[in-house]
């Protein structure tokens, strides 16, 4: 497996996680589940940061 494949697989899994987070948020009550919503939102933001890092890595690999 080459580095491009590895990054692609990581991105795929991270995107899958974001979709799971979004579906989990749909069923939560905005007031009763506020702490859980806040936690999931924070995890979603961290996941997006990881996606951005992986995309940066992809661009660097393409340039070299």
Protein backbone atom coordinates (compact mmCIF):
# COMPACT_ATOMS: atom_id res chain seq x y z
CA UNK A 1 0.00 0.00 0.00
CA UNK A 2 1.46 3.35 -0.98
CA UNK A 3 1.22 6.62 1.00
CA UNK A 4 -1.53 8.02 -1.24
CA UNK A 5 -3.70 4.99 -0.53
CA UNK A 6 -3.15 5.32 3.20
CA UNK A 7 -4.15 8.98 3.23
CA UNK A 8 -7.19 8.20 1.07
CA UNK A 9 -8.30 5.48 3.51
CA UNK A 10 -7.84 7.79 6.48
CA UNK A 11 -9.88 10.51 4.76
CA UNK A 12 -12.60 8.02 3.95
CA UNK A 13 -12.87 6.92 7.58
CA UNK A 14 -12.84 10.49 8.86
CA UNK A 15 -15.62 11.44 6.47
CA UNK A 16 -17.59 8.42 7.62
CA UNK A 17 -17.17 9.58 11.22
CA UNK A 18 -18.49 13.04 10.35
CA UNK A 19 -21.58 11.45 8.81
CA UNK A 20 -22.14 9.40 11.97
CA UNK A 21 -21.82 12.52 14.13
CA UNK A 22 -24.37 14.36 11.97
CA UNK A 23 -26.87 11.52 12.20
CA UNK A 24 -26.42 11.31 15.98
CA UNK A 25 -27.10 15.01 16.39
CA UNK A 26 -30.42 14.72 14.55
CA UNK A 27 -32.10 12.73 17.32
CA UNK A 28 -30.93 14.80 20.27
CA UNK A 29 -33.00 17.33 22.18
CA UNK A 30 -31.36 20.79 22.05
CA UNK A 31 -31.90 21.53 25.75
CA UNK A 32 -31.86 18.13 27.45
CA UNK A 33 -28.85 16.87 25.51
CA UNK A 34 -26.90 20.14 25.30
CA UNK A 35 -23.73 18.73 26.88
CA UNK A 36 -23.74 15.74 24.55
CA UNK A 37 -24.41 17.98 21.54
CA UNK A 38 -21.51 20.22 22.58
CA UNK A 39 -19.20 17.22 22.93
CA UNK A 40 -20.19 15.74 19.57
CA UNK A 41 -19.79 19.14 17.91
CA UNK A 42 -16.31 19.50 19.38
CA UNK A 43 -15.34 16.02 18.18
CA UNK A 44 -16.74 16.89 14.75
CA UNK A 45 -14.55 20.00 14.66
CA UNK A 46 -11.48 17.97 15.60
CA UNK A 47 -12.33 15.48 12.87
CA UNK A 48 -12.57 18.33 10.36
CA UNK A 49 -9.12 19.49 11.48
CA UNK A 50 -7.78 15.99 10.80
CA UNK A 51 -9.40 16.03 7.35
CA UNK A 52 -7.75 19.38 6.60
CA UNK A 53 -4.36 18.01 7.65
CA UNK A 54 -4.78 14.95 5.43
CA UNK A 55 -5.74 17.13 2.47
CA UNK A 56 -2.66 19.26 3.06
CA UNK A 57 -0.58 16.08 3.06
CA UNK A 58 -2.20 15.03 -0.23
CA UNK A 59 -1.31 18.36 -1.84
CA UNK A 60 2.29 18.07 -0.66
CA UNK A 61 2.56 14.52 -2.03
CA UNK A 62 1.22 15.67 -5.40
CA UNK A 63 3.78 18.49 -5.55
CA UNK A 64 6.73 16.19 -4.91
